[in-house]
Amino acid sequence: MAGEMKHWLRFRHSGATGFGTLTSSGISVHEGEMFGRHAATGKTLALSEVELLAPCAPSKIVALWNNFHALAAKLNQPEPPEPLYLLKATTTIAAPGAVVRRPSYYDGKTTYEGELGIVIGKTCARVSPAEADGFIFGYTCVNDITANDILTRDPTFPQWARAKGIDDYGPFGPVIATGLDPAKLVVRTILNGAERQNYPISDMIFSAQELVSRISHDMTLLPGDLIAVGTSVGVGVMKEPVNMVTVAIDGIGELTNEFRL
């Protein structure tokens, strides 16, 4: 959504959930609804006073596959004529800074996938690419964690939903940034201090506006819904007992989570 650049977030303070914008002096607390009418209360909270939450509560998470020219070329995969996507369970949502644990029943490979996330701001159905920006609230950082060995375990049925649907395997945040041009953004993923991904969003096969349009013709997108636009080259396995993963996008911020085997 075009306009002033702001960074929206959600938090818990004194047992209550709130939302506001990030400023140089802290969090400017708002009342109302993030995706509806809202106004600043005049109260400011320090980041140290609050527990950050995922910046919205989507009714669904749409996750793209094979949406970057560079990754399709590396995998020797044909570029799709239409977006390929799955739905990721909302119970995968994890807050910035949360510790994510591999399930006790699973001892296979788990990968990070640093991605850009599109957050919908208004109910959106059957819109054109030219109209899409009017329905996009802003953008966020996503780590689309995947249990790879589950994905391909059964040769008759790729288990996308299960491999990507484990509890807490979908951290996103720390904010939703408005007023950005997504085509100018670059996604970086840092694993245990080493940069593993660094790729431009401009390399997407389907742009943010095309994704919103195409998906909205299949299903109605609701305020707060999240579209993870897919990842590019550099995806890798988290091998250490404790792994620190940061997805960084200039203009949005840094999403950092700890993944434990």
Protein backbone atom coordinates (compact mmCIF):
# COMPACT_ATOMS: atom_id res chain seq x y z
CA MET A 1 0.00 0.00 0.00
CA ALA A 2 1.58 3.26 -1.10
CA GLY A 3 2.11 6.05 1.40
CA GLU A 4 4.21 6.90 4.42
CA MET A 5 6.65 4.28 5.60
CA LYS A 6 5.62 2.91 8.99
CA HIS A 7 6.54 -0.17 10.98
CA TRP A 8 3.55 -1.82 12.66
CA LEU A 9 3.87 -4.41 15.40
CA ARG A 10 1.90 -6.32 18.01
CA PHE A 11 2.95 -6.82 21.60
CA ARG A 12 1.90 -8.09 25.00
CA HIS A 13 2.14 -5.66 27.92
CA SER A 14 0.84 -6.19 31.45
CA GLY A 15 -1.11 -9.24 30.27
CA ALA A 16 -2.89 -7.41 27.44
CA THR A 17 -2.28 -7.55 23.69
CA GLY A 18 -1.77 -4.27 21.87
CA PHE A 19 -0.44 -2.82 18.65
CA GLY A 20 1.28 0.28 17.43
CA THR A 21 4.07 1.74 15.34
CA LEU A 22 7.78 1.64 15.98
CA THR A 23 9.35 5.08 16.46
CA SER A 24 12.77 6.38 17.48
CA SER A 25 11.54 6.66 21.07
CA GLY A 26 9.77 3.29 21.31
CA ILE A 27 6.32 1.98 20.45
CA SER A 28 3.59 4.50 19.74
CA VAL A 29 0.55 2.66 21.11
CA HIS A 30 -2.61 2.69 18.97
CA GLU A 31 -6.23 1.82 19.68
CA GLY A 32 -8.81 0.41 17.29
CA GLU A 33 -7.88 -2.12 14.62
CA MET A 34 -4.63 -2.34 12.73
CA PHE A 35 -6.47 -3.14 9.47
CA GLY A 36 -9.37 -0.80 10.18
CA ARG A 37 -9.83 2.46 12.02
CA HIS A 38 -7.07 3.23 14.47
CA ALA A 39 -5.51 6.18 16.23
CA ALA A 40 -2.49 6.82 18.40
CA THR A 41 -3.31 7.00 22.10
CA GLY A 42 -0.40 9.28 22.92
CA LYS A 43 1.21 6.57 25.05
CA THR A 44 4.70 5.30 24.26
CA LEU A 45 6.20 2.03 25.49
CA ALA A 46 9.86 1.01 25.42
CA LEU A 47 10.63 -2.18 23.52
CA SER A 48 12.16 -3.52 26.73
CA GLU A 49 8.75 -3.22 28.43
CA VAL A 50 6.89 -5.52 26.05
CA GLU A 51 6.88 -9.04 24.64
CA LEU A 52 6.83 -8.88 20.85
CA LEU A 53 4.22 -11.04 19.10
CA ALA A 54 3.87 -11.97 15.46
CA PRO A 55 2.77 -8.67 13.92
CA CYS A 56 -0.66 -9.96 12.82
CA ALA A 57 -2.90 -13.01 13.20
CA PRO A 58 -3.66 -14.31 9.69
CA SER A 59 -6.65 -16.52 8.95
CA LYS A 60 -4.41 -18.35 6.47
CA ILE A 61 -0.80 -18.44 5.32
CA VAL A 62 -0.21 -18.96 1.62
CA ALA A 63 3.31 -20.19 0.79
CA LEU A 64 4.77 -20.15 -2.72
CA TRP A 65 6.97 -22.77 -4.37
CA ASN A 66 9.31 -22.17 -7.34
CA ASN A 67 8.78 -18.43 -7.66
CA PHE A 68 12.35 -17.25 -8.39
CA HIS A 69 14.15 -17.46 -11.72
CA ALA A 70 17.53 -18.21 -10.09
CA LEU A 71 16.26 -21.10 -7.97
CA ALA A 72 14.31 -22.65 -10.84
CA ALA A 73 17.48 -22.56 -12.94
CA LYS A 74 19.60 -24.08 -10.15
CA LEU A 75 17.11 -26.90 -9.57
CA ASN A 76 16.64 -27.39 -13.33
CA GLN A 77 12.90 -26.89 -12.81
CA PRO A 78 10.64 -25.38 -15.44
CA GLU A 79 9.26 -21.96 -14.51
CA PRO A 80 5.57 -22.40 -13.69
CA PRO A 81 2.89 -20.78 -15.89
CA GLU A 82 0.88 -19.95 -12.76
CA PRO A 83 1.74 -19.60 -9.05
CA LEU A 84 2.32 -22.88 -7.23
CA TYR A 85 1.38 -22.66 -3.56
CA LEU A 86 0.27 -24.46 -0.43
CA LEU A 87 -1.52 -23.40 2.75
CA LYS A 88 0.55 -23.39 5.91
CA ALA A 89 -1.24 -23.97 9.24
CA THR A 90 -1.75 -20.91 11.41
CA THR A 91 -0.42 -22.93 14.36
CA THR A 92 3.00 -22.63 12.70
CA ILE A 93 3.10 -18.95 13.70
CA ALA A 94 5.97 -18.09 16.03
CA ALA A 95 6.91 -14.69 17.38
CA PRO A 96 10.17 -12.89 16.74
CA GLY A 97 12.73 -14.22 19.20
CA ALA A 98 10.80 -17.42 19.88
CA VAL A 99 12.64 -20.71 20.32
CA VAL A 100 11.53 -23.29 17.72
CA ARG A 101 12.11 -26.96 18.50
CA ARG A 102 12.27 -29.93 16.17
CA PRO A 103 9.57 -32.47 17.13
CA SER A 104 10.82 -35.37 19.23
CA TYR A 105 9.48 -37.91 16.72
CA TYR A 106 11.48 -36.43 13.82
CA ASP A 107 15.25 -36.72 13.44
CA GLY A 108 15.58 -35.74 9.77
CA LYS A 109 16.83 -32.63 8.02
CA THR A 110 15.20 -29.28 8.67
CA THR A 111 15.88 -26.24 6.48
CA TYR A 112 15.48 -22.49 6.84
CA GLU A 113 13.88 -20.50 4.01
CA GLY A 114 14.23 -16.73 4.26
CA GLU A 115 11.36 -15.01 2.46
CA LEU A 116 9.42 -11.80 1.99
CA GLY A 117 5.87 -11.87 3.31
CA ILE A 118 2.92 -9.89 1.91
CA VAL A 119 0.30 -8.86 4.48
CA ILE A 120 -3.22 -8.21 3.18
CA GLY A 121 -5.00 -5.13 4.52
CA LYS A 122 -8.51 -5.37 3.05
CA THR A 123 -10.83 -8.19 2.00
CA CYS A 124 -9.59 -9.12 -1.43
CA ALA A 125 -11.37 -11.22 -4.07
CA ARG A 126 -10.81 -11.41 -7.83
CA VAL A 127 -8.68 -8.25 -8.07
CA SER A 128 -6.42 -7.35 -10.97
CA PRO A 129 -2.65 -6.85 -10.62
CA ALA A 130 -3.21 -3.12 -11.12
CA GLU A 131 -5.64 -3.09 -8.17
CA ALA A 132 -3.54 -5.29 -5.87
CA ASP A 133 -1.52 -2.54 -4.18
CA GLY A 134 -4.75 -1.14 -2.78
CA PHE A 135 -5.27 -4.41 -0.88
CA ILE A 136 -1.70 -4.89 0.38
CA PHE A 137 -1.15 -3.46 3.85
CA GLY A 138 2.60 -4.03 3.94
CA TYR A 139 5.49 -6.46 4.02
CA THR A 140 7.31 -8.56 6.61
CA CYS A 141 10.11 -11.13 7.04
CA VAL A 142 9.30 -14.85 7.03
CA ASN A 143 11.24 -18.01 7.83
CA ASP A 144 9.34 -20.85 6.12
CA ILE A 145 10.90 -23.72 8.08
CA THR A 146 10.61 -27.12 6.41
CA ALA A 147 11.03 -30.72 7.60
CA ASN A 148 12.55 -31.92 4.33
CA ASP A 149 12.62 -35.66 4.99
CA ILE A 150 8.88 -35.66 5.69
CA LEU A 151 8.20 -33.84 2.42
CA THR A 152 9.50 -36.67 0.24
CA ARG A 153 9.01 -39.65 2.55
CA ASP A 154 6.09 -41.12 0.58
CA PRO A 155 6.82 -41.26 -3.18
CA THR A 156 3.09 -41.27 -3.97
CA PHE A 157 2.29 -38.04 -2.12
CA PRO A 158 4.54 -35.02 -1.51
CA GLN A 159 3.70 -33.97 2.05
CA TRP A 160 3.92 -30.19 1.70
CA ALA A 161 1.31 -29.42 4.35
CA ARG A 162 2.85 -31.71 6.96
CA ALA A 163 6.49 -30.83 6.24
CA LYS A 164 5.76 -27.11 6.56
CA GLY A 165 2.89 -27.34 9.06
CA ILE A 166 4.70 -28.33 12.26
CA ASP A 167 3.95 -26.10 15.24
CA ASP A 168 6.11 -22.93 15.30
CA TYR A 169 7.60 -23.63 11.83
CA GLY A 170 6.39 -20.28 10.48
CA PRO A 171 8.01 -17.36 12.33
CA PHE A 172 7.39 -13.94 10.83
CA GLY A 173 7.94 -10.32 11.81
CA PRO A 174 9.19 -8.42 13.68
CA VAL A 175 7.07 -5.72 12.01
CA ILE A 176 4.88 -5.06 9.01
CA ALA A 177 6.43 -2.27 6.98
CA THR A 178 4.21 -0.03 4.86
CA GLY A 179 5.14 2.36 2.06
CA LEU A 180 7.73 0.05 0.48
CA ASP A 181 8.31 -1.01 -3.12
CA PRO A 182 8.83 -4.77 -2.78
CA ALA A 183 10.67 -5.01 -6.10
CA LYS A 184 13.54 -3.01 -4.58
CA LEU A 185 14.01 -5.29 -1.56
CA VAL A 186 16.76 -7.84 -0.92
CA VAL A 187 16.38 -10.85 1.38
CA ARG A 188 19.34 -12.05 3.43
CA THR A 189 19.41 -15.10 5.71
CA ILE A 190 22.14 -15.51 8.32
CA LEU A 191 22.68 -18.89 9.97
CA ASN A 192 24.89 -18.94 13.08
CA GLY A 193 26.62 -15.74 12.00
CA ALA A 194 27.26 -16.73 8.36
CA GLU A 195 25.25 -15.25 5.50
CA ARG A 196 23.60 -18.07 3.53
CA GLN A 197 21.06 -16.23 1.37
CA ASN A 198 21.26 -12.88 -0.40
CA TYR A 199 18.82 -12.45 -3.26
CA PRO A 200 16.67 -9.72 -4.85
CA ILE A 201 12.88 -9.79 -4.79
CA SER A 202 13.01 -8.39 -8.34
CA ASP A 203 13.98 -11.93 -9.46
CA MET A 204 10.48 -13.26 -8.67
CA ILE A 205 8.67 -15.06 -11.46
CA PHE A 206 5.36 -13.61 -10.22
CA SER A 207 5.49 -10.16 -8.63
CA ALA A 208 3.79 -9.31 -5.35
CA GLN A 209 0.90 -7.73 -7.25
CA GLU A 210 0.54 -10.71 -9.58
CA LEU A 211 0.53 -13.10 -6.62
CA VAL A 212 -2.21 -11.20 -4.81
CA SER A 213 -4.28 -11.04 -7.99
CA ARG A 214 -3.87 -14.69 -8.96
CA ILE A 215 -4.48 -16.05 -5.45
CA SER A 216 -7.48 -13.76 -4.92
CA HIS A 217 -9.14 -15.42 -7.92
CA ASP A 218 -8.87 -18.78 -6.13
CA MET A 219 -9.74 -17.74 -2.58
CA THR A 220 -10.81 -14.61 -0.77
CA LEU A 221 -7.92 -13.04 1.11
CA LEU A 222 -8.82 -11.45 4.43
CA PRO A 223 -7.20 -8.62 6.41
CA GLY A 224 -4.06 -9.96 8.07
CA ASP A 225 -3.63 -12.90 5.72
CA LEU A 226 0.01 -13.64 4.92
CA ILE A 227 1.51 -14.62 1.57
CA ALA A 228 5.09 -15.97 1.79
CA VAL A 229 6.38 -15.25 -1.72
CA GLY A 230 8.82 -18.18 -1.90
CA THR A 231 12.57 -18.37 -1.49
CA SER A 232 15.60 -18.41 -3.77
CA VAL A 233 19.09 -19.93 -3.77
CA GLY A 234 20.96 -20.59 -0.54
CA VAL A 235 18.43 -22.70 1.37
CA GLY A 236 20.25 -24.99 3.77
CA VAL A 237 20.00 -27.43 6.66
CA MET A 238 20.20 -26.38 10.30
CA LYS A 239 22.71 -28.85 11.75
CA GLU A 240 23.83 -27.53 15.13
CA PRO A 241 22.09 -28.42 18.41
CA VAL A 242 21.23 -24.70 18.69
CA ASN A 243 20.91 -22.62 15.49
CA MET A 244 20.42 -18.85 15.33
CA VAL A 245 18.61 -17.84 12.14
CA THR A 246 18.06 -14.24 11.07
CA VAL A 247 16.02 -13.18 8.04
CA ALA A 248 16.94 -9.59 7.26
CA ILE A 249 15.30 -7.24 4.77
CA ASP A 250 16.46 -3.61 4.68
CA GLY A 251 13.47 -1.36 5.20
CA ILE A 252 11.63 -4.00 7.24
CA GLY A 253 14.10 -5.26 9.83
CA GLU A 254 15.48 -8.50 11.18
CA LEU A 255 13.54 -11.60 12.22
CA THR A 256 15.66 -13.74 14.53
CA ASN A 257 14.69 -17.10 15.99
CA GLU A 258 16.54 -19.95 17.64
CA PHE A 259 16.01 -23.43 16.21
CA ARG A 260 16.90 -26.38 18.44
CA LEU A 261 17.38 -29.96 17.32
